[in-house]
Amino acid sequence: MILFSSDLEIILENKIIMSKLIIDVTGEKIFLMIITSNDIYNITKENTKINYEKLTLIINNFLNSHKLNPKDLKTIYLNRGPGSFAGIRNSLSIVKAFHLINKIDYYCYSIQDFKGEKDVKYENIPDLCEKFKIEKNLINPIY
């Protein structure tokens, strides 16, 4: 059986997984969330210079812990700020590399983009990016 969707579909043990990754390094913690059609997973790490340098490893380890790899991602959502300059710069570079190597689309959002929304939650970021027409594959950081 062949299935089609606007999101990446992976058949894994007879389950369809549509994978989205949310990255936020603007605050005191590095926050990562994976959203699939079946589950939502998240982790936080201390927001330090050492972890900025290991951000690619942190992301890959997080994906691997849920039996995913970067090629399984359809879309990445990245908080572009305002916030930590080093964190935003490093995460933008990593997301751009994922885009170039694996053809993963990305959205750079800011909580400021969602004017009028109350209690914005990470799991709602993909829908909010669509609702507020955040432009795909555009980098415009707010430091």
C-alpha atoms as a PDB file:
ATOM      1  CA  MET A   1       0.000   0.000   0.000  1.00  0.00           C
ATOM      2  CA  ILE A   2       1.350   3.447  -0.916  1.00  0.00           C
ATOM      3  CA  LEU A   3       0.256   6.434   1.128  1.00  0.00           C
ATOM      4  CA  PHE A   4       0.755  10.115   0.349  1.00  0.00           C
ATOM      5  CA  SER A   5       0.796  13.139   2.634  1.00  0.00           C
ATOM      6  CA  SER A   6       2.063  16.703   2.773  1.00  0.00           C
ATOM      7  CA  ASP A   7       4.406  15.509   5.527  1.00  0.00           C
ATOM      8  CA  LEU A   8       7.103  12.874   5.261  1.00  0.00           C
ATOM      9  CA  GLU A   9       5.654   9.449   5.840  1.00  0.00           C
ATOM     10  CA  ILE A  10       7.799   6.653   7.072  1.00  0.00           C
ATOM     11  CA  ILE A  11       6.424   3.186   7.475  1.00  0.00           C
ATOM     12  CA  LEU A  12       8.038   1.792  10.591  1.00  0.00           C
ATOM     13  CA  GLU A  13       6.656  -1.413  12.036  1.00  0.00           C
ATOM     14  CA  ASN A  14       3.371  -0.755  10.176  1.00  0.00           C
ATOM     15  CA  LYS A  15       3.059   2.749  11.675  1.00  0.00           C
ATOM     16  CA  ILE A  16       3.164   5.981   9.723  1.00  0.00           C
ATOM     17  CA  ILE A  17       5.387   8.594  11.338  1.00  0.00           C
ATOM     18  CA  MET A  18       5.307  12.222  10.206  1.00  0.00           C
ATOM     19  CA  SER A  19       8.329  13.835  11.800  1.00  0.00           C
ATOM     20  CA  LYS A  20       8.780  17.480  12.724  1.00  0.00           C
ATOM     21  CA  LEU A  21      11.596  18.863  14.869  1.00  0.00           C
ATOM     22  CA  ILE A  22      11.330  22.033  16.951  1.00  0.00           C
ATOM     23  CA  ILE A  23      14.556  23.664  18.148  1.00  0.00           C
ATOM     24  CA  ASP A  24      14.704  26.526  20.654  1.00  0.00           C
ATOM     25  CA  VAL A  25      18.061  27.703  21.979  1.00  0.00           C
ATOM     26  CA  THR A  26      17.051  31.274  22.761  1.00  0.00           C
ATOM     27  CA  GLY A  27      16.481  30.885  26.508  1.00  0.00           C
ATOM     28  CA  GLU A  28      18.186  29.376  29.533  1.00  0.00           C
ATOM     29  CA  LYS A  29      17.711  25.830  28.210  1.00  0.00           C
ATOM     30  CA  ILE A  30      18.192  24.140  24.858  1.00  0.00           C
ATOM     31  CA  PHE A  31      14.786  22.732  24.005  1.00  0.00           C
ATOM     32  CA  LEU A  32      14.118  20.062  21.371  1.00  0.00           C
ATOM     33  CA  MET A  33      10.783  18.505  20.451  1.00  0.00           C
ATOM     34  CA  ILE A  34       9.926  15.790  17.936  1.00  0.00           C
ATOM     35  CA  ILE A  35       6.341  15.653  16.740  1.00  0.00           C
ATOM     36  CA  THR A  36       5.220  12.521  14.899  1.00  0.00           C
ATOM     37  CA  SER A  37       1.752  11.389  13.938  1.00  0.00           C
ATOM     38  CA  ASN A  38       1.870   9.021  16.919  1.00  0.00           C
ATOM     39  CA  ASP A  39       3.791  10.823  19.675  1.00  0.00           C
ATOM     40  CA  ILE A  40       5.474  13.968  20.954  1.00  0.00           C
ATOM     41  CA  TYR A  41       8.916  13.785  22.577  1.00  0.00           C
ATOM     42  CA  ASN A  42      10.995  16.571  24.092  1.00  0.00           C
ATOM     43  CA  ILE A  43      14.218  17.161  25.974  1.00  0.00           C
ATOM     44  CA  THR A  44      16.008  20.097  27.523  1.00  0.00           C
ATOM     45  CA  LYS A  45      19.719  20.609  28.020  1.00  0.00           C
ATOM     46  CA  GLU A  46      21.680  23.277  29.782  1.00  0.00           C
ATOM     47  CA  ASN A  47      22.247  26.258  27.510  1.00  0.00           C
ATOM     48  CA  THR A  48      26.041  26.552  27.629  1.00  0.00           C
ATOM     49  CA  LYS A  49      28.840  27.252  25.179  1.00  0.00           C
ATOM     50  CA  ILE A  50      29.883  23.588  25.349  1.00  0.00           C
ATOM     51  CA  ASN A  51      26.384  22.445  24.426  1.00  0.00           C
ATOM     52  CA  TYR A  52      26.256  24.951  21.544  1.00  0.00           C
ATOM     53  CA  GLU A  53      29.343  23.275  20.162  1.00  0.00           C
ATOM     54  CA  LYS A  54      27.708  19.848  20.583  1.00  0.00           C
ATOM     55  CA  LEU A  55      24.253  20.861  19.323  1.00  0.00           C
ATOM     56  CA  THR A  56      24.438  18.627  16.251  1.00  0.00           C
ATOM     57  CA  LEU A  57      25.343  15.665  18.467  1.00  0.00           C
ATOM     58  CA  ILE A  58      22.544  16.523  20.914  1.00  0.00           C
ATOM     59  CA  ILE A  59      20.024  16.642  18.052  1.00  0.00           C
ATOM     60  CA  ASN A  60      21.283  13.396  16.493  1.00  0.00           C
ATOM     61  CA  ASN A  61      21.298  11.595  19.856  1.00  0.00           C
ATOM     62  CA  PHE A  62      17.755  12.820  20.545  1.00  0.00           C
ATOM     63  CA  LEU A  63      16.564  11.591  17.135  1.00  0.00           C
ATOM     64  CA  ASN A  64      18.390   8.264  17.553  1.00  0.00           C
ATOM     65  CA  SER A  65      16.832   7.730  20.983  1.00  0.00           C
ATOM     66  CA  HIS A  66      13.451   7.670  19.204  1.00  0.00           C
ATOM     67  CA  LYS A  67      14.673   5.525  16.292  1.00  0.00           C
ATOM     68  CA  LEU A  68      14.792   8.471  13.880  1.00  0.00           C
ATOM     69  CA  ASN A  69      17.553  10.159  11.920  1.00  0.00           C
ATOM     70  CA  PRO A  70      17.711  13.524  10.139  1.00  0.00           C
ATOM     71  CA  LYS A  71      16.511  11.970   6.866  1.00  0.00           C
ATOM     72  CA  ASP A  72      13.265  11.050   8.653  1.00  0.00           C
ATOM     73  CA  LEU A  73      12.449  14.710   9.261  1.00  0.00           C
ATOM     74  CA  LYS A  74      10.093  16.554   6.969  1.00  0.00           C
ATOM     75  CA  THR A  75      10.225  19.960   8.650  1.00  0.00           C
ATOM     76  CA  ILE A  76      12.289  21.798  11.256  1.00  0.00           C
ATOM     77  CA  TYR A  77      10.951  24.755  13.241  1.00  0.00           C
ATOM     78  CA  LEU A  78      13.606  27.016  14.742  1.00  0.00           C
ATOM     79  CA  ASN A  79      13.099  29.869  17.207  1.00  0.00           C
ATOM     80  CA  ARG A  80      15.010  32.762  15.634  1.00  0.00           C
ATOM     81  CA  GLY A  81      14.950  34.959  18.705  1.00  0.00           C
ATOM     82  CA  PRO A  82      15.281  37.268  20.388  1.00  0.00           C
ATOM     83  CA  GLY A  83      17.681  35.537  22.695  1.00  0.00           C
ATOM     84  CA  SER A  84      21.154  34.072  22.918  1.00  0.00           C
ATOM     85  CA  PHE A  85      23.269  35.257  19.974  1.00  0.00           C
ATOM     86  CA  ALA A  86      25.584  32.224  20.027  1.00  0.00           C
ATOM     87  CA  GLY A  87      22.713  29.762  20.362  1.00  0.00           C
ATOM     88  CA  ILE A  88      20.714  31.310  17.526  1.00  0.00           C
ATOM     89  CA  ARG A  89      23.763  31.532  15.250  1.00  0.00           C
ATOM     90  CA  ASN A  90      24.765  27.894  15.864  1.00  0.00           C
ATOM     91  CA  SER A  91      21.248  26.514  15.520  1.00  0.00           C
ATOM     92  CA  LEU A  92      20.695  28.464  12.287  1.00  0.00           C
ATOM     93  CA  SER A  93      23.890  26.963  10.848  1.00  0.00           C
ATOM     94  CA  ILE A  94      22.840  23.449  11.818  1.00  0.00           C
ATOM     95  CA  VAL A  95      19.340  23.817  10.395  1.00  0.00           C
ATOM     96  CA  LYS A  96      20.740  25.246   7.159  1.00  0.00           C
ATOM     97  CA  ALA A  97      23.113  22.255   6.899  1.00  0.00           C
ATOM     98  CA  PHE A  98      20.226  19.803   7.455  1.00  0.00           C
ATOM     99  CA  HIS A  99      18.308  21.651   4.731  1.00  0.00           C
ATOM    100  CA  LEU A 100      21.167  21.529   2.239  1.00  0.00           C
ATOM    101  CA  ILE A 101      22.146  17.906   2.875  1.00  0.00           C
ATOM    102  CA  ASN A 102      18.752  16.270   3.453  1.00  0.00           C
ATOM    103  CA  LYS A 103      16.406  18.742   1.706  1.00  0.00           C
ATOM    104  CA  ILE A 104      14.516  19.331   4.971  1.00  0.00           C
ATOM    105  CA  ASP A 105      12.290  22.405   4.912  1.00  0.00           C
ATOM    106  CA  TYR A 106      12.540  24.751   7.863  1.00  0.00           C
ATOM    107  CA  TYR A 107      10.639  27.639   9.380  1.00  0.00           C
ATOM    108  CA  CYS A 108      12.371  30.302  11.467  1.00  0.00           C
ATOM    109  CA  TYR A 109       9.745  31.680  13.827  1.00  0.00           C
ATOM    110  CA  SER A 110       9.678  34.047  16.773  1.00  0.00           C
ATOM    111  CA  ILE A 111       7.070  34.101  19.508  1.00  0.00           C
ATOM    112  CA  GLN A 112       6.651  37.743  18.446  1.00  0.00           C
ATOM    113  CA  ASP A 113       5.310  36.463  15.094  1.00  0.00           C
ATOM    114  CA  PHE A 114       2.261  35.034  16.829  1.00  0.00           C
ATOM    115  CA  LYS A 115       0.656  38.299  17.944  1.00  0.00           C
ATOM    116  CA  GLY A 116      -2.661  37.846  19.656  1.00  0.00           C
ATOM    117  CA  GLU A 117      -2.070  34.176  20.474  1.00  0.00           C
ATOM    118  CA  LYS A 118      -2.305  33.300  24.149  1.00  0.00           C
ATOM    119  CA  ASP A 119      -0.309  30.561  25.829  1.00  0.00           C
ATOM    120  CA  VAL A 120       1.779  29.520  22.810  1.00  0.00           C
ATOM    121  CA  LYS A 121       2.924  25.905  23.237  1.00  0.00           C
ATOM    122  CA  TYR A 122       5.727  24.209  21.343  1.00  0.00           C
ATOM    123  CA  GLU A 123       3.464  21.480  20.009  1.00  0.00           C
ATOM    124  CA  ASN A 124       1.359  24.212  18.359  1.00  0.00           C
ATOM    125  CA  ILE A 125       4.295  25.872  16.560  1.00  0.00           C
ATOM    126  CA  PRO A 126       3.764  24.030  13.216  1.00  0.00           C
ATOM    127  CA  ASP A 127       0.093  25.085  13.077  1.00  0.00           C
ATOM    128  CA  LEU A 128       0.931  28.647  14.161  1.00  0.00           C
ATOM    129  CA  CYS A 129       3.611  28.950  11.461  1.00  0.00           C
ATOM    130  CA  GLU A 130       0.982  27.952   8.905  1.00  0.00           C
ATOM    131  CA  LYS A 131      -1.693  30.239  10.404  1.00  0.00           C
ATOM    132  CA  PHE A 132       0.617  33.272  10.491  1.00  0.00           C
ATOM    133  CA  LYS A 133       2.136  32.437   7.090  1.00  0.00           C
ATOM    134  CA  ILE A 134       5.741  32.177   8.292  1.00  0.00           C
ATOM    135  CA  GLU A 135       7.867  31.936   5.169  1.00  0.00           C
ATOM    136  CA  LYS A 136       9.528  28.593   4.484  1.00  0.00           C
ATOM    137  CA  ASN A 137      13.346  28.326   4.210  1.00  0.00           C
ATOM    138  CA  LEU A 138      13.953  31.970   5.143  1.00  0.00           C
ATOM    139  CA  ILE A 139      16.521  32.974   7.759  1.00  0.00           C
ATOM    140  CA  ASN A 140      15.880  36.266   9.515  1.00  0.00           C
ATOM    141  CA  PRO A 141      17.344  36.080  13.049  1.00  0.00           C
ATOM    142  CA  ILE A 142      16.411  38.399  15.909  1.00  0.00           C
ATOM    143  CA  TYR A 143      19.346  38.693  18.319  1.00  0.00           C
END
